[in-house]
PDB file of N, CA and C in Angstrom:
ATOM      1  N   MET A   1     -76.086  42.175  75.308  1.00  0.00           N
ATOM      2  CA  MET A   1     -75.808  42.221  76.609  1.00  0.00           C
ATOM      3  C   MET A   1     -74.775  41.069  76.968  1.00  0.00           C
ATOM      4  N   LYS A   2     -73.739  41.388  77.723  1.00  0.00           N
ATOM      5  CA  LYS A   2     -72.758  40.371  78.081  1.00  0.00           C
ATOM      6  C   LYS A   2     -73.168  39.494  79.080  1.00  0.00           C
ATOM      7  N   ARG A   3     -72.913  38.228  78.971  1.00  0.00           N
ATOM      8  CA  ARG A   3     -73.281  37.217  80.023  1.00  0.00           C
ATOM      9  C   ARG A   3     -71.973  36.442  80.359  1.00  0.00           C
ATOM     10  N   TYR A   4     -71.954  36.210  81.726  1.00  0.00           N
ATOM     11  CA  TYR A   4     -70.886  35.553  82.334  1.00  0.00           C
ATOM     12  C   TYR A   4     -71.383  34.283  83.231  1.00  0.00           C
ATOM     13  N   LYS A   5     -70.552  33.293  83.247  1.00  0.00           N
ATOM     14  CA  LYS A   5     -70.842  32.149  84.052  1.00  0.00           C
ATOM     15  C   LYS A   5     -69.787  32.064  85.151  1.00  0.00           C
ATOM     16  N   LEU A   6     -70.165  31.864  86.402  1.00  0.00           N
ATOM     17  CA  LEU A   6     -69.220  31.704  87.471  1.00  0.00           C
ATOM     18  C   LEU A   6     -68.527  30.293  87.306  1.00  0.00           C
ATOM     19  N   ILE A   7     -67.165  30.314  87.276  1.00  0.00           N
ATOM     20  CA  ILE A   7     -66.453  29.088  87.007  1.00  0.00           C
ATOM     21  C   ILE A   7     -65.930  28.508  88.310  1.00  0.00           C
ATOM     22  N   LYS A   8     -65.892  29.164  89.411  1.00  0.00           N
ATOM     23  CA  LYS A   8     -65.575  28.590  90.702  1.00  0.00           C
ATOM     24  C   LYS A   8     -66.233  29.370  91.782  1.00  0.00           C
ATOM     25  N   ASN A   9     -66.566  28.777  92.914  1.00  0.00           N
ATOM     26  CA  ASN A   9     -67.345  29.471  93.938  1.00  0.00           C
ATOM     27  C   ASN A   9     -66.617  30.757  94.352  1.00  0.00           C
ATOM     28  N   PHE A  10     -67.439  31.838  94.608  1.00  0.00           N
ATOM     29  CA  PHE A  10     -66.855  33.179  94.872  1.00  0.00           C
ATOM     30  C   PHE A  10     -67.437  33.750  96.183  1.00  0.00           C
ATOM     31  N   ARG A  11     -66.523  34.249  96.992  1.00  0.00           N
ATOM     32  CA  ARG A  11     -66.927  34.893  98.250  1.00  0.00           C
ATOM     33  C   ARG A  11     -67.777  34.014  99.161  1.00  0.00           C
ATOM     34  N   GLY A  12     -67.811  32.764  98.942  1.00  0.00           N
ATOM     35  CA  GLY A  12     -68.501  31.926  99.906  1.00  0.00           C
ATOM     36  C   GLY A  12     -70.000  31.738  99.701  1.00  0.00           C
ATOM     37  N   GLN A  13     -70.594  32.736  99.066  1.00  0.00           N
ATOM     38  CA  GLN A  13     -72.096  32.734  98.901  1.00  0.00           C
ATOM     39  C   GLN A  13     -72.526  32.545  97.412  1.00  0.00           C
ATOM     40  N   TYR A  14     -71.662  32.759  96.496  1.00  0.00           N
ATOM     41  CA  TYR A  14     -72.026  32.620  95.077  1.00  0.00           C
ATOM     42  C   TYR A  14     -71.566  31.325  94.565  1.00  0.00           C
ATOM     43  N   LYS A  15     -72.469  30.536  93.908  1.00  0.00           N
ATOM     44  CA  LYS A  15     -72.177  29.249  93.577  1.00  0.00           C
ATOM     45  C   LYS A  15     -71.721  29.109  92.195  1.00  0.00           C
ATOM     46  N   LYS A  16     -70.804  28.102  91.962  1.00  0.00           N
ATOM     47  CA  LYS A  16     -70.316  27.846  90.643  1.00  0.00           C
ATOM     48  C   LYS A  16     -71.472  27.443  89.593  1.00  0.00           C
ATOM     49  N   GLY A  17     -71.340  27.939  88.455  1.00  0.00           N
ATOM     50  CA  GLY A  17     -72.332  27.624  87.379  1.00  0.00           C
ATOM     51  C   GLY A  17     -73.461  28.641  87.244  1.00  0.00           C
ATOM     52  N   THR A  18     -73.598  29.638  88.141  1.00  0.00           N
ATOM     53  CA  THR A  18     -74.526  30.576  88.147  1.00  0.00           C
ATOM     54  C   THR A  18     -74.294  31.580  86.927  1.00  0.00           C
ATOM     55  N   THR A  19     -75.444  31.910  86.219  1.00  0.00           N
ATOM     56  CA  THR A  19     -75.189  32.848  85.093  1.00  0.00           C
ATOM     57  C   THR A  19     -75.537  34.287  85.503  1.00  0.00           C
ATOM     58  N   TYR A  20     -74.725  35.223  85.062  1.00  0.00           N
ATOM     59  CA  TYR A  20     -74.818  36.667  85.458  1.00  0.00           C
ATOM     60  C   TYR A  20     -74.854  37.523  84.058  1.00  0.00           C
ATOM     61  N   PHE A  21     -75.556  38.591  84.193  1.00  0.00           N
ATOM     62  CA  PHE A  21     -75.496  39.661  83.150  1.00  0.00           C
ATOM     63  C   PHE A  21     -74.853  40.818  83.626  1.00  0.00           C
ATOM     64  N   VAL A  22     -73.998  41.542  82.733  1.00  0.00           N
ATOM     65  CA  VAL A  22     -73.352  42.794  83.091  1.00  0.00           C
ATOM     66  C   VAL A  22     -74.429  43.813  82.997  1.00  0.00           C
ATOM     67  N   ILE A  23     -74.661  44.529  84.032  1.00  0.00           N
ATOM     68  CA  ILE A  23     -75.676  45.676  84.015  1.00  0.00           C
ATOM     69  C   ILE A  23     -75.014  46.982  84.106  1.00  0.00           C
ATOM     70  N   GLY A  24     -73.716  47.044  84.496  1.00  0.00           N
ATOM     71  CA  GLY A  24     -72.975  48.274  84.516  1.00  0.00           C
ATOM     72  C   GLY A  24     -71.499  48.123  84.587  1.00  0.00           C
ATOM     73  N   GLU A  25     -70.793  49.059  83.956  1.00  0.00           N
ATOM     74  CA  GLU A  25     -69.342  49.066  83.881  1.00  0.00           C
ATOM     75  C   GLU A  25     -68.956  50.517  84.204  1.00  0.00           C
ATOM     76  N   SER A  26     -67.903  50.596  84.908  1.00  0.00           N
ATOM     77  CA  SER A  26     -67.330  52.028  85.132  1.00  0.00           C
ATOM     78  C   SER A  26     -65.853  51.940  85.344  1.00  0.00           C
ATOM     79  N   GLU A  27     -65.217  53.000  84.964  1.00  0.00           N
ATOM     80  CA  GLU A  27     -63.713  53.207  84.970  1.00  0.00           C
ATOM     81  C   GLU A  27     -63.421  54.534  85.605  1.00  0.00           C
ATOM     82  N   PHE A  28     -62.600  54.463  86.657  1.00  0.00           N
ATOM     83  CA  PHE A  28     -62.189  55.673  87.258  1.00  0.00           C
ATOM     84  C   PHE A  28     -60.633  55.595  87.482  1.00  0.00           C
ATOM     85  N   ILE A  29     -59.944  56.390  86.820  1.00  0.00           N
ATOM     86  CA  ILE A  29     -58.423  56.518  86.855  1.00  0.00           C
ATOM     87  C   ILE A  29     -57.784  55.071  86.718  1.00  0.00           C
ATOM     88  N   GLY A  30     -58.189  54.411  85.694  1.00  0.00           N
ATOM     89  CA  GLY A  30     -57.714  53.142  85.297  1.00  0.00           C
ATOM     90  C   GLY A  30     -58.191  51.900  86.103  1.00  0.00           C
ATOM     91  N   VAL A  31     -59.090  52.092  87.010  1.00  0.00           N
ATOM     92  CA  VAL A  31     -59.706  50.935  87.807  1.00  0.00           C
ATOM     93  C   VAL A  31     -61.053  50.632  87.287  1.00  0.00           C
ATOM     94  N   LYS A  32     -61.217  49.524  86.617  1.00  0.00           N
ATOM     95  CA  LYS A  32     -62.551  49.142  86.174  1.00  0.00           C
ATOM     96  C   LYS A  32     -63.369  48.425  87.243  1.00  0.00           C
ATOM     97  N   GLU A  33     -64.651  48.680  87.280  1.00  0.00           N
ATOM     98  CA  GLU A  33     -65.551  47.966  88.122  1.00  0.00           C
ATOM     99  C   GLU A  33     -66.703  47.489  87.250  1.00  0.00           C
ATOM    100  N   PHE A  34     -67.273  46.335  87.640  1.00  0.00           N
ATOM    101  CA  PHE A  34     -68.466  45.736  86.966  1.00  0.00           C
ATOM    102  C   PHE A  34     -69.521  45.412  87.819  1.00  0.00           C
ATOM    103  N   VAL A  35     -70.794  45.678  87.521  1.00  0.00           N
ATOM    104  CA  VAL A  35     -71.973  45.220  88.214  1.00  0.00           C
ATOM    105  C   VAL A  35     -72.586  44.085  87.529  1.00  0.00           C
ATOM    106  N   LEU A  36     -72.717  42.925  88.173  1.00  0.00           N
ATOM    107  CA  LEU A  36     -73.272  41.813  87.603  1.00  0.00           C
ATOM    108  C   LEU A  36     -74.638  41.492  88.307  1.00  0.00           C
ATOM    109  N   GLN A  37     -75.619  41.107  87.436  1.00  0.00           N
ATOM    110  CA  GLN A  37     -76.951  40.665  88.089  1.00  0.00           C
ATOM    111  C   GLN A  37     -77.203  39.278  87.648  1.00  0.00           C
ATOM    112  N   THR A  38     -77.768  38.438  88.628  1.00  0.00           N
ATOM    113  CA  THR A  38     -78.115  37.030  88.339  1.00  0.00           C
ATOM    114  C   THR A  38     -79.217  36.969  87.372  1.00  0.00           C
ATOM    115  N   LYS A  39     -79.199  35.886  86.677  1.00  0.00           N
ATOM    116  CA  LYS A  39     -80.207  35.649  85.638  1.00  0.00           C
ATOM    117  C   LYS A  39     -81.568  35.674  86.174  1.00  0.00           C
ATOM    118  N   ASN A  40     -81.886  35.171  87.469  1.00  0.00           N
ATOM    119  CA  ASN A  40     -83.181  35.191  88.011  1.00  0.00           C
ATOM    120  C   ASN A  40     -83.450  36.403  88.870  1.00  0.00           C
ATOM    121  N   LEU A  41     -82.595  37.403  88.807  1.00  0.00           N
ATOM    122  CA  LEU A  41     -82.720  38.723  89.450  1.00  0.00           C
ATOM    123  C   LEU A  41     -82.707  38.702  90.975  1.00  0.00           C
ATOM    124  N   ASP A  42     -82.033  37.745  91.591  1.00  0.00           N
ATOM    125  CA  ASP A  42     -82.052  37.625  93.073  1.00  0.00           C
ATOM    126  C   ASP A  42     -80.820  38.207  93.692  1.00  0.00           C
ATOM    127  N   GLY A  43     -79.819  38.649  92.965  1.00  0.00           N
ATOM    128  CA  GLY A  43     -78.645  39.255  93.536  1.00  0.00           C
ATOM    129  C   GLY A  43     -77.729  39.911  92.636  1.00  0.00           C
ATOM    130  N   LYS A  44     -76.969  40.874  93.158  1.00  0.00           N
ATOM    131  CA  LYS A  44     -76.030  41.672  92.391  1.00  0.00           C
ATOM    132  C   LYS A  44     -74.603  41.571  93.061  1.00  0.00           C
ATOM    133  N   ILE A  45     -73.610  41.649  92.169  1.00  0.00           N
ATOM    134  CA  ILE A  45     -72.191  41.632  92.620  1.00  0.00           C
ATOM    135  C   ILE A  45     -71.518  42.838  92.019  1.00  0.00           C
ATOM    136  N   ILE A  46     -70.773  43.427  92.838  1.00  0.00           N
ATOM    137  CA  ILE A  46     -69.923  44.534  92.309  1.00  0.00           C
ATOM    138  C   ILE A  46     -68.430  43.981  92.503  1.00  0.00           C
ATOM    139  N   LEU A  47     -67.651  43.897  91.320  1.00  0.00           N
ATOM    140  CA  LEU A  47     -66.372  43.448  91.409  1.00  0.00           C
ATOM    141  C   LEU A  47     -65.359  44.169  90.430  1.00  0.00           C
ATOM    142  N   SER A  48     -64.118  43.901  90.717  1.00  0.00           N
ATOM    143  CA  SER A  48     -63.056  44.545  89.964  1.00  0.00           C
ATOM    144  C   SER A  48     -62.842  43.629  88.681  1.00  0.00           C
ATOM    145  N   GLU A  49     -62.057  44.208  87.738  1.00  0.00           N
ATOM    146  CA  GLU A  49     -61.725  43.578  86.489  1.00  0.00           C
ATOM    147  C   GLU A  49     -60.964  42.299  86.837  1.00  0.00           C
ATOM    148  N   LYS A  50     -59.998  42.289  87.744  1.00  0.00           N
ATOM    149  CA  LYS A  50     -59.275  41.117  88.051  1.00  0.00           C
ATOM    150  C   LYS A  50     -60.169  39.972  88.679  1.00  0.00           C
ATOM    151  N   GLU A  51     -61.085  40.311  89.514  1.00  0.00           N
ATOM    152  CA  GLU A  51     -61.999  39.236  89.987  1.00  0.00           C
ATOM    153  C   GLU A  51     -62.871  38.764  88.929  1.00  0.00           C
ATOM    154  N   LEU A  52     -63.308  39.663  87.900  1.00  0.00           N
ATOM    155  CA  LEU A  52     -64.065  39.155  86.823  1.00  0.00           C
ATOM    156  C   LEU A  52     -63.243  38.063  85.989  1.00  0.00           C
ATOM    157  N   LYS A  53     -62.057  38.444  85.759  1.00  0.00           N
ATOM    158  CA  LYS A  53     -61.234  37.469  84.954  1.00  0.00           C
ATOM    159  C   LYS A  53     -60.869  36.229  85.734  1.00  0.00           C
ATOM    160  N   ASP A  54     -60.650  36.257  87.022  1.00  0.00           N
ATOM    161  CA  ASP A  54     -60.314  35.129  87.789  1.00  0.00           C
ATOM    162  C   ASP A  54     -61.445  34.191  88.008  1.00  0.00           C
ATOM    163  N   HIS A  55     -62.735  34.661  88.171  1.00  0.00           N
ATOM    164  CA  HIS A  55     -63.754  33.788  88.671  1.00  0.00           C
ATOM    165  C   HIS A  55     -64.880  33.565  87.648  1.00  0.00           C
ATOM    166  N   PHE A  56     -64.906  34.299  86.465  1.00  0.00           N
ATOM    167  CA  PHE A  56     -65.974  34.212  85.468  1.00  0.00           C
ATOM    168  C   PHE A  56     -65.504  33.970  84.140  1.00  0.00           C
ATOM    169  N   LYS A  57     -66.391  33.390  83.376  1.00  0.00           N
ATOM    170  CA  LYS A  57     -66.132  33.111  81.957  1.00  0.00           C
ATOM    171  C   LYS A  57     -67.203  33.717  81.139  1.00  0.00           C
ATOM    172  N   GLN A  58     -66.913  34.383  80.033  1.00  0.00           N
ATOM    173  CA  GLN A  58     -67.899  34.956  79.163  1.00  0.00           C
ATOM    174  C   GLN A  58     -68.591  33.932  78.372  1.00  0.00           C
ATOM    175  N   ILE A  59     -69.890  33.952  78.345  1.00  0.00           N
ATOM    176  CA  ILE A  59     -70.677  32.935  77.546  1.00  0.00           C
ATOM    177  C   ILE A  59     -71.534  33.847  76.665  1.00  0.00           C
ATOM    178  N   TYR A  60     -71.413  33.684  75.366  1.00  0.00           N
ATOM    179  CA  TYR A  60     -72.247  34.338  74.346  1.00  0.00           C
ATOM    180  C   TYR A  60     -71.684  35.714  74.101  1.00  0.00           C
TER     181      TYR A  60
END
């Protein structure tokens, strides 16, 4: 399972340093979307590939 760490605050409510797991990936006509779940299961984020690259770093 892919893990990502937030490297800078995102959308005002997601704090730097939080660990997320990728629970879903989809691609439709060249646009990729990812669904990330927090490690402690208290929130989900749906974001584009560009947002993932800009705000997250893959760990492990």
